[in-house]
Amino acid sequence: MDNVRAFLPLSAADLVGAKGYLVRGNCAFYPSDDHHPGVVTQGAALTITSAARYDFGSPGMQHWEVYAK
């Protein structure tokens, strides 16, 4: 898997200026300001490259589009 586009509900988080990782599967640590090198080296993590806020339309359609690779 080279690239991922994830759709998250707008209510999931405030992702303005998001930096970090998307992790596939269960994440065995609590997120913090610094990254967890073990997850990154397992190949289960992708680096977030951008997050776009789509806050128009009905509340049920508002979402984030998060891109990672």
Protein backbone atom coordinates (compact mmCIF):
# COMPACT_ATOMS: atom_id res chain seq x y z
CA MET A 1 0.00 0.00 0.00
CA ASP A 2 1.64 3.24 -1.17
CA ASN A 3 -0.98 5.89 -0.42
CA VAL A 4 -4.08 6.08 1.74
CA ARG A 5 -7.03 8.44 1.71
CA ALA A 6 -9.08 8.15 4.90
CA PHE A 7 -12.46 9.77 5.54
CA LEU A 8 -13.12 10.69 9.16
CA PRO A 9 -16.19 12.36 10.69
CA LEU A 10 -15.61 16.04 11.35
CA SER A 11 -16.41 15.37 15.02
CA ALA A 12 -13.56 12.81 15.29
CA ALA A 13 -10.85 15.39 15.92
CA ASP A 14 -9.52 18.80 15.01
CA LEU A 15 -6.96 17.92 12.36
CA VAL A 16 -5.89 21.43 11.33
CA GLY A 17 -2.15 21.22 10.72
CA ALA A 18 -2.11 17.51 11.59
CA LYS A 19 1.30 15.88 11.74
CA GLY A 20 1.80 12.28 12.64
CA TYR A 21 0.88 8.82 11.50
CA LEU A 22 -2.05 6.69 10.48
CA VAL A 23 -1.69 3.25 12.00
CA ARG A 24 -3.38 0.15 10.62
CA GLY A 25 -4.85 -2.18 13.23
CA ASN A 26 -4.66 -1.84 16.99
CA CYS A 27 -2.30 0.79 18.29
CA ALA A 28 -0.69 -0.40 21.51
CA PHE A 29 0.36 3.02 22.80
CA TYR A 30 -1.29 6.31 23.68
CA PRO A 31 -0.57 9.17 21.28
CA SER A 32 1.70 11.96 22.46
CA ASP A 33 3.50 14.94 20.98
CA ASP A 34 6.43 12.79 19.92
CA HIS A 35 6.22 9.76 17.64
CA HIS A 36 6.66 6.18 18.76
CA PRO A 37 9.61 4.71 16.79
CA GLY A 38 8.47 1.11 17.30
CA VAL A 39 5.24 1.61 15.37
CA VAL A 40 6.95 3.52 12.57
CA THR A 41 9.52 0.80 11.99
CA GLN A 42 6.93 -2.01 11.98
CA GLY A 43 5.63 -0.84 8.61
CA ALA A 44 2.11 -0.49 10.05
CA ALA A 45 2.29 3.31 10.07
CA LEU A 46 1.93 5.82 7.25
CA THR A 47 2.97 9.47 7.52
CA ILE A 48 0.12 12.00 7.23
CA THR A 49 0.82 14.29 4.29
CA SER A 50 -2.33 16.44 4.43
CA ALA A 51 -5.75 16.80 6.01
CA ALA A 52 -8.60 18.68 4.33
CA ARG A 53 -11.72 19.84 6.17
CA TYR A 54 -15.04 19.47 4.32
CA ASP A 55 -17.47 21.29 6.62
CA PHE A 56 -20.21 22.16 4.16
CA GLY A 57 -23.57 20.48 3.59
CA SER A 58 -25.57 18.58 6.17
CA PRO A 59 -23.85 17.62 9.45
CA GLY A 60 -23.94 13.95 8.44
CA MET A 61 -21.80 14.68 5.38
CA GLN A 62 -19.15 16.88 7.03
CA HIS A 63 -15.81 15.11 7.20
CA TRP A 64 -12.01 15.19 7.06
CA GLU A 65 -10.06 13.73 4.17
CA VAL A 66 -6.68 12.60 5.43
CA TYR A 67 -3.93 11.58 3.01
CA ALA A 68 -0.94 9.52 4.09
CA LYS A 69 1.91 7.57 2.52
